[in-house]
Amino acid sequence: MDLAQRLNTALAVYAPSLREPPKLYWRDARVYVITFELHPATERPLLELMASVPTGWQYSSTGSNSSGVWNRVSTHVLLLPEVRWAEVELFGSQP
């Protein structure tokens, strides 16, 4: 929960809300899955997070859905040093 609280603070500009309690990742019991909803539900948070660490992202967009998947590259840090992988999804995107 400490990591979730620190991520919540790091994402504060997007008025995050924790969707469910953190849980262990089914493929690796050393990794936690922490899911937030960000606000506003527009493409802005996705693009801003991608711009904050421009290395390691794969972006895709289909119709009104967009997503960015980030994999840590070298010493680049997204939000907190503990973050190794992240996915930001937007369904029914608004400009």
Protein backbone atom coordinates (compact mmCIF):
# COMPACT_ATOMS: atom_id res chain seq x y z
CA MET A 1 0.00 0.00 0.00
CA ASP A 2 2.93 2.36 0.61
CA LEU A 3 3.88 2.19 -3.07
CA ALA A 4 0.26 2.81 -4.10
CA GLN A 5 0.14 5.89 -1.87
CA ARG A 6 3.39 7.24 -3.28
CA LEU A 7 2.15 6.65 -6.84
CA ASN A 8 -1.09 8.39 -5.94
CA THR A 9 0.96 11.40 -4.81
CA ALA A 10 3.11 11.32 -7.97
CA LEU A 11 -0.05 11.27 -10.10
CA ALA A 12 -1.86 13.95 -8.04
CA VAL A 13 -2.20 16.37 -10.97
CA TYR A 14 -4.52 13.79 -12.61
CA ALA A 15 -6.83 13.35 -9.58
CA PRO A 16 -6.11 9.61 -9.42
CA SER A 17 -8.42 7.11 -7.80
CA LEU A 18 -7.29 3.61 -6.89
CA ARG A 19 -9.55 1.17 -8.75
CA GLU A 20 -8.80 -1.81 -6.50
CA PRO A 21 -6.26 -2.75 -3.84
CA PRO A 22 -2.76 -3.60 -5.13
CA LYS A 23 -2.38 -7.27 -6.05
CA LEU A 24 0.43 -9.58 -7.01
CA TYR A 25 1.04 -9.97 -10.73
CA TRP A 26 0.00 -13.44 -11.80
CA ARG A 27 3.21 -14.06 -13.77
CA ASP A 28 5.66 -12.90 -11.11
CA ALA A 29 4.91 -12.86 -7.37
CA ARG A 30 7.63 -10.21 -6.86
CA VAL A 31 5.66 -7.68 -8.92
CA TYR A 32 2.53 -5.76 -7.91
CA VAL A 33 -0.26 -4.50 -10.13
CA ILE A 34 -1.61 -1.12 -9.07
CA THR A 35 -4.46 0.32 -11.14
CA PHE A 36 -5.57 3.94 -11.06
CA GLU A 37 -8.18 5.92 -12.94
CA LEU A 38 -6.87 9.32 -13.99
CA HIS A 39 -8.85 12.49 -14.55
CA PRO A 40 -9.62 14.12 -16.83
CA ALA A 41 -10.29 11.05 -18.96
CA THR A 42 -8.67 12.61 -22.00
CA GLU A 43 -5.50 11.93 -23.95
CA ARG A 44 -3.68 14.67 -22.01
CA PRO A 45 -2.48 12.45 -19.10
CA LEU A 46 -1.23 9.80 -21.51
CA LEU A 47 0.70 12.29 -23.63
CA GLU A 48 2.11 14.11 -20.60
CA LEU A 49 3.31 10.89 -18.98
CA MET A 50 4.89 9.83 -22.27
CA ALA A 51 6.63 13.21 -22.56
CA SER A 52 7.95 12.99 -18.99
CA VAL A 53 10.08 9.96 -19.94
CA PRO A 54 10.34 9.87 -23.73
CA THR A 55 12.34 6.61 -23.79
CA GLY A 56 10.75 3.17 -23.52
CA TRP A 57 7.20 3.89 -24.72
CA GLN A 58 5.15 2.08 -27.35
CA TYR A 59 2.09 4.08 -28.36
CA SER A 60 -0.94 2.81 -30.24
CA SER A 61 -4.23 4.32 -31.23
CA THR A 62 -7.26 2.69 -32.80
CA GLY A 63 -10.36 4.75 -33.38
CA SER A 64 -11.15 6.51 -30.12
CA ASN A 65 -8.91 4.24 -27.99
CA SER A 66 -5.27 5.02 -27.19
CA SER A 67 -2.64 3.32 -25.09
CA GLY A 68 0.95 3.70 -24.13
CA VAL A 69 3.07 0.92 -22.70
CA TRP A 70 6.31 1.83 -20.95
CA ASN A 71 9.19 -0.53 -20.24
CA ARG A 72 12.10 0.72 -18.19
CA VAL A 73 15.15 1.46 -20.30
CA SER A 74 18.48 1.84 -18.54
CA THR A 75 18.22 4.35 -15.70
CA HIS A 76 15.07 6.15 -16.92
CA VAL A 77 12.43 6.49 -14.18
CA LEU A 78 8.68 6.90 -14.62
CA LEU A 79 7.11 8.47 -11.51
CA LEU A 80 9.04 6.35 -8.96
CA PRO A 81 12.21 4.22 -9.08
CA GLU A 82 10.18 1.08 -8.28
CA VAL A 83 8.11 1.35 -11.47
CA ARG A 84 9.45 -1.14 -14.01
CA TRP A 85 6.51 -1.27 -16.42
CA ALA A 86 3.37 0.82 -16.95
CA GLU A 87 0.38 0.91 -19.22
CA VAL A 88 -1.88 3.90 -19.72
CA GLU A 89 -5.11 3.14 -21.55
CA LEU A 90 -7.76 5.53 -22.74
CA PHE A 91 -11.08 4.23 -23.99
CA GLY A 92 -13.32 6.48 -26.05
CA SER A 93 -10.65 9.19 -26.04
CA GLN A 94 -11.45 12.85 -25.89
CA PRO A 95 -8.96 15.40 -27.32
